Amino acid sequence: MTLRPSIDEAVGLLEGELRAGQRALADLGTEDVWQAFLRFGRRLFDVSDAPDGDGLLFQYGTYSFDGPPTFTVDLTRQFEVSDADGEYDHYVQVHCELRYGSGRALEALGSFDSWFFHGAGADLEAWADELIEMPAWTTIRTLTPTDISVFQEQV
């Protein structure tokens, strides 16, 4: 029987995937980060069996959370955390956030989000293929992020 990693190991495992090519985060392009995120997304964790207990989120848009408007791609892994009785307690999200600056071409992409859940019976590879077939991906994949950050939060 293979032991699945715990949620507490998720940030380290994602960072390990990002470093797999022995390159610094600052040297990674969008496509490199996407492939690392998919490798991380294929790994199953020790979480509840709820249909939405382990999800991946791909989202982008121009936001001004902590400064001037910046085009951001946020690749997120969300885990449901249950209490001692097995009931929903909260979510833990592990983010890989890519920031690009701003400009008309990026703003023209608008915003978008798409979820995948391991427990919902969908196919991860089909979900990923649908995303990269989007016209916006043609623009996004060629960009070089000005900043990449990996962090975890409870929501």
C-alpha atoms as a PDB file:
ATOM      1  CA  MET A   1       0.000   0.000   0.000  1.00  0.00           C
ATOM      2  CA  THR A   2       1.357   3.410  -1.020  1.00  0.00           C
ATOM      3  CA  LEU A   3       1.076   6.144   1.562  1.00  0.00           C
ATOM      4  CA  ARG A   4      -0.258   9.417   0.278  1.00  0.00           C
ATOM      5  CA  PRO A   5       1.385  12.642   1.424  1.00  0.00           C
ATOM      6  CA  SER A   6      -0.415  14.874   3.896  1.00  0.00           C
ATOM      7  CA  ILE A   7      -1.661  18.366   3.128  1.00  0.00           C
ATOM      8  CA  ASP A   8       1.200  19.687   5.281  1.00  0.00           C
ATOM      9  CA  GLU A   9       3.640  18.439   2.624  1.00  0.00           C
ATOM     10  CA  ALA A  10       1.867  20.114  -0.310  1.00  0.00           C
ATOM     11  CA  VAL A  11       3.832  23.381  -0.508  1.00  0.00           C
ATOM     12  CA  GLY A  12       7.154  21.532  -0.359  1.00  0.00           C
ATOM     13  CA  LEU A  13       6.052  19.077  -3.029  1.00  0.00           C
ATOM     14  CA  LEU A  14       4.910  21.874  -5.347  1.00  0.00           C
ATOM     15  CA  GLU A  15       8.174  23.740  -4.798  1.00  0.00           C
ATOM     16  CA  GLY A  16      10.026  20.507  -5.563  1.00  0.00           C
ATOM     17  CA  GLU A  17       8.196  20.177  -8.881  1.00  0.00           C
ATOM     18  CA  LEU A  18       9.037  23.776  -9.726  1.00  0.00           C
ATOM     19  CA  ARG A  19      12.729  23.106  -8.985  1.00  0.00           C
ATOM     20  CA  ALA A  20      12.766  19.778 -10.859  1.00  0.00           C
ATOM     21  CA  GLY A  21      14.652  21.308 -13.791  1.00  0.00           C
ATOM     22  CA  GLN A  22      17.292  22.720 -11.432  1.00  0.00           C
ATOM     23  CA  ARG A  23      16.291  26.267 -12.388  1.00  0.00           C
ATOM     24  CA  ALA A  24      15.501  29.192 -10.125  1.00  0.00           C
ATOM     25  CA  LEU A  25      11.862  30.308  -9.945  1.00  0.00           C
ATOM     26  CA  ALA A  26      12.839  33.585 -11.614  1.00  0.00           C
ATOM     27  CA  ASP A  27      14.059  31.641 -14.666  1.00  0.00           C
ATOM     28  CA  LEU A  28      10.827  29.707 -15.240  1.00  0.00           C
ATOM     29  CA  GLY A  29       8.392  30.566 -18.000  1.00  0.00           C
ATOM     30  CA  THR A  30       4.652  30.106 -17.822  1.00  0.00           C
ATOM     31  CA  GLU A  31       4.767  26.769 -19.653  1.00  0.00           C
ATOM     32  CA  ASP A  32       7.418  25.462 -17.227  1.00  0.00           C
ATOM     33  CA  VAL A  33       5.270  26.406 -14.231  1.00  0.00           C
ATOM     34  CA  TRP A  34       2.149  24.901 -15.813  1.00  0.00           C
ATOM     35  CA  GLN A  35       3.888  21.560 -16.407  1.00  0.00           C
ATOM     36  CA  ALA A  36       5.210  21.536 -12.814  1.00  0.00           C
ATOM     37  CA  PHE A  37       1.714  22.323 -11.509  1.00  0.00           C
ATOM     38  CA  LEU A  38       0.245  19.441 -13.523  1.00  0.00           C
ATOM     39  CA  ARG A  39       2.851  17.034 -12.110  1.00  0.00           C
ATOM     40  CA  PHE A  40       1.906  18.273  -8.638  1.00  0.00           C
ATOM     41  CA  GLY A  41      -1.781  17.946  -9.555  1.00  0.00           C
ATOM     42  CA  ARG A  42      -1.397  14.292 -10.534  1.00  0.00           C
ATOM     43  CA  ARG A  43      -0.125  13.418  -7.048  1.00  0.00           C
ATOM     44  CA  LEU A  44      -2.900  12.227  -4.744  1.00  0.00           C
ATOM     45  CA  PHE A  45      -2.964  13.391  -1.130  1.00  0.00           C
ATOM     46  CA  ASP A  46      -4.368  11.980   2.083  1.00  0.00           C
ATOM     47  CA  VAL A  47      -7.669  13.888   2.068  1.00  0.00           C
ATOM     48  CA  SER A  48     -11.363  13.180   2.484  1.00  0.00           C
ATOM     49  CA  ASP A  49     -13.212  11.217  -0.171  1.00  0.00           C
ATOM     50  CA  ALA A  50     -15.670  14.087  -0.708  1.00  0.00           C
ATOM     51  CA  PRO A  51     -16.177  14.853  -4.416  1.00  0.00           C
ATOM     52  CA  ASP A  52     -14.689  18.322  -3.844  1.00  0.00           C
ATOM     53  CA  GLY A  53     -12.091  17.223  -1.271  1.00  0.00           C
ATOM     54  CA  ASP A  54      -9.134  17.748  -3.616  1.00  0.00           C
ATOM     55  CA  GLY A  55      -9.389  20.275  -6.401  1.00  0.00           C
ATOM     56  CA  LEU A  56      -7.266  22.184  -8.863  1.00  0.00           C
ATOM     57  CA  LEU A  57      -8.093  25.708  -9.960  1.00  0.00           C
ATOM     58  CA  PHE A  58      -6.755  27.545 -13.001  1.00  0.00           C
ATOM     59  CA  GLN A  59      -7.650  31.223 -12.998  1.00  0.00           C
ATOM     60  CA  TYR A  60      -6.420  34.452 -14.501  1.00  0.00           C
ATOM     61  CA  GLY A  61      -7.294  38.109 -14.679  1.00  0.00           C
ATOM     62  CA  THR A  62      -6.068  41.623 -14.015  1.00  0.00           C
ATOM     63  CA  TYR A  63      -6.268  42.427 -10.310  1.00  0.00           C
ATOM     64  CA  SER A  64      -4.993  45.101  -7.932  1.00  0.00           C
ATOM     65  CA  PHE A  65      -4.874  43.232  -4.621  1.00  0.00           C
ATOM     66  CA  ASP A  66      -1.787  44.936  -3.207  1.00  0.00           C
ATOM     67  CA  GLY A  67      -0.723  47.590  -5.700  1.00  0.00           C
ATOM     68  CA  PRO A  68      -1.310  48.630  -9.291  1.00  0.00           C
ATOM     69  CA  PRO A  69      -3.381  46.376 -11.585  1.00  0.00           C
ATOM     70  CA  THR A  70      -1.396  43.301 -12.536  1.00  0.00           C
ATOM     71  CA  PHE A  71      -2.270  40.413 -14.834  1.00  0.00           C
ATOM     72  CA  THR A  72      -2.104  37.303 -12.674  1.00  0.00           C
ATOM     73  CA  VAL A  73      -2.378  33.573 -13.311  1.00  0.00           C
ATOM     74  CA  ASP A  74      -3.199  31.674 -10.130  1.00  0.00           C
ATOM     75  CA  LEU A  75      -2.746  27.905 -10.113  1.00  0.00           C
ATOM     76  CA  THR A  76      -4.324  26.605  -6.922  1.00  0.00           C
ATOM     77  CA  ARG A  77      -4.704  23.243  -5.221  1.00  0.00           C
ATOM     78  CA  GLN A  78      -7.551  23.181  -2.715  1.00  0.00           C
ATOM     79  CA  PHE A  79      -7.948  20.535  -0.009  1.00  0.00           C
ATOM     80  CA  GLU A  80     -10.985  20.045   2.183  1.00  0.00           C
ATOM     81  CA  VAL A  81     -10.136  19.591   5.859  1.00  0.00           C
ATOM     82  CA  SER A  82     -12.600  17.701   8.056  1.00  0.00           C
ATOM     83  CA  ASP A  83     -13.099  17.851  11.805  1.00  0.00           C
ATOM     84  CA  ALA A  84     -12.867  14.863  14.190  1.00  0.00           C
ATOM     85  CA  ASP A  85     -16.399  13.795  13.201  1.00  0.00           C
ATOM     86  CA  GLY A  86     -15.564  13.777   9.503  1.00  0.00           C
ATOM     87  CA  GLU A  87     -17.547  16.952   8.815  1.00  0.00           C
ATOM     88  CA  TYR A  88     -16.276  19.843   6.704  1.00  0.00           C
ATOM     89  CA  ASP A  89     -14.173  22.279   8.750  1.00  0.00           C
ATOM     90  CA  HIS A  90     -12.272  24.462   6.244  1.00  0.00           C
ATOM     91  CA  TYR A  91     -10.211  24.461   3.081  1.00  0.00           C
ATOM     92  CA  VAL A  92      -6.464  24.746   2.660  1.00  0.00           C
ATOM     93  CA  GLN A  93      -5.315  26.294  -0.598  1.00  0.00           C
ATOM     94  CA  VAL A  94      -1.804  26.008  -2.031  1.00  0.00           C
ATOM     95  CA  HIS A  95      -1.217  28.741  -4.605  1.00  0.00           C
ATOM     96  CA  CYS A  96       1.332  29.181  -7.336  1.00  0.00           C
ATOM     97  CA  GLU A  97       0.795  32.751  -8.394  1.00  0.00           C
ATOM     98  CA  LEU A  98       2.365  34.184 -11.533  1.00  0.00           C
ATOM     99  CA  ARG A  99       2.352  37.951 -12.070  1.00  0.00           C
ATOM    100  CA  TYR A 100       3.064  39.643 -15.384  1.00  0.00           C
ATOM    101  CA  GLY A 101       2.529  43.389 -15.097  1.00  0.00           C
ATOM    102  CA  SER A 102      -0.194  45.051 -17.148  1.00  0.00           C
ATOM    103  CA  GLY A 103      -1.037  46.182 -20.632  1.00  0.00           C
ATOM    104  CA  ARG A 104      -3.938  46.358 -23.038  1.00  0.00           C
ATOM    105  CA  ALA A 105      -3.277  42.905 -24.508  1.00  0.00           C
ATOM    106  CA  LEU A 106      -3.336  41.289 -21.065  1.00  0.00           C
ATOM    107  CA  GLU A 107      -6.369  43.263 -19.901  1.00  0.00           C
ATOM    108  CA  ALA A 108      -8.138  42.215 -23.112  1.00  0.00           C
ATOM    109  CA  LEU A 109      -7.918  38.588 -21.969  1.00  0.00           C
ATOM    110  CA  GLY A 110     -10.433  39.413 -19.248  1.00  0.00           C
ATOM    111  CA  SER A 111     -10.740  36.926 -16.446  1.00  0.00           C
ATOM    112  CA  PHE A 112     -11.406  33.201 -16.348  1.00  0.00           C
ATOM    113  CA  ASP A 113     -11.506  30.311 -13.901  1.00  0.00           C
ATOM    114  CA  SER A 114     -11.882  26.555 -14.196  1.00  0.00           C
ATOM    115  CA  TRP A 115     -11.987  23.841 -11.524  1.00  0.00           C
ATOM    116  CA  PHE A 116     -11.023  20.178 -11.592  1.00  0.00           C
ATOM    117  CA  PHE A 117     -11.827  17.792  -8.715  1.00  0.00           C
ATOM    118  CA  HIS A 118     -10.161  14.406  -8.321  1.00  0.00           C
ATOM    119  CA  GLY A 119     -13.214  12.941  -6.549  1.00  0.00           C
ATOM    120  CA  ALA A 120     -15.741  14.017  -9.182  1.00  0.00           C
ATOM    121  CA  GLY A 121     -14.793  11.345 -11.708  1.00  0.00           C
ATOM    122  CA  ALA A 122     -13.364  13.786 -14.270  1.00  0.00           C
ATOM    123  CA  ASP A 123     -10.107  13.247 -16.145  1.00  0.00           C
ATOM    124  CA  LEU A 124      -7.226  15.567 -15.203  1.00  0.00           C
ATOM    125  CA  GLU A 125      -5.505  15.267 -18.584  1.00  0.00           C
ATOM    126  CA  ALA A 126      -8.731  16.134 -20.443  1.00  0.00           C
ATOM    127  CA  TRP A 127      -9.222  19.182 -18.188  1.00  0.00           C
ATOM    128  CA  ALA A 128      -5.653  20.348 -18.827  1.00  0.00           C
ATOM    129  CA  ASP A 129      -6.024  19.799 -22.585  1.00  0.00           C
ATOM    130  CA  GLU A 130      -9.202  21.902 -22.657  1.00  0.00           C
ATOM    131  CA  LEU A 131      -7.394  24.751 -20.922  1.00  0.00           C
ATOM    132  CA  ILE A 132      -4.413  24.804 -23.264  1.00  0.00           C
ATOM    133  CA  GLU A 133      -6.732  24.760 -26.281  1.00  0.00           C
ATOM    134  CA  MET A 134      -8.228  28.095 -25.205  1.00  0.00           C
ATOM    135  CA  PRO A 135      -7.207  31.066 -27.382  1.00  0.00           C
ATOM    136  CA  ALA A 136      -6.031  32.961 -24.270  1.00  0.00           C
ATOM    137  CA  TRP A 137      -3.515  30.202 -23.517  1.00  0.00           C
ATOM    138  CA  THR A 138      -1.706  31.019 -26.779  1.00  0.00           C
ATOM    139  CA  THR A 139      -0.910  34.430 -25.289  1.00  0.00           C
ATOM    140  CA  ILE A 140      -0.405  33.361 -21.673  1.00  0.00           C
ATOM    141  CA  ARG A 141       1.957  30.451 -22.325  1.00  0.00           C
ATOM    142  CA  THR A 142       4.527  32.635 -24.071  1.00  0.00           C
ATOM    143  CA  LEU A 143       4.742  35.145 -21.223  1.00  0.00           C
ATOM    144  CA  THR A 144       7.563  35.305 -18.734  1.00  0.00           C
ATOM    145  CA  PRO A 145       6.305  36.100 -15.228  1.00  0.00           C
ATOM    146  CA  THR A 146       7.819  39.074 -13.443  1.00  0.00           C
ATOM    147  CA  ASP A 147       7.141  37.299 -10.148  1.00  0.00           C
ATOM    148  CA  ILE A 148       6.264  33.757  -9.053  1.00  0.00           C
ATOM    149  CA  SER A 149       5.162  33.024  -5.520  1.00  0.00           C
ATOM    150  CA  VAL A 150       4.117  29.823  -3.787  1.00  0.00           C
ATOM    151  CA  PHE A 151       2.084  30.074  -0.610  1.00  0.00           C
ATOM    152  CA  GLN A 152      -0.561  28.341   1.455  1.00  0.00           C
ATOM    153  CA  GLU A 153      -3.648  29.777   3.102  1.00  0.00           C
ATOM    154  CA  GLN A 154      -6.658  28.578   5.033  1.00  0.00           C
ATOM    155  CA  VAL A 155     -10.033  29.652   3.663  1.00  0.00           C
END
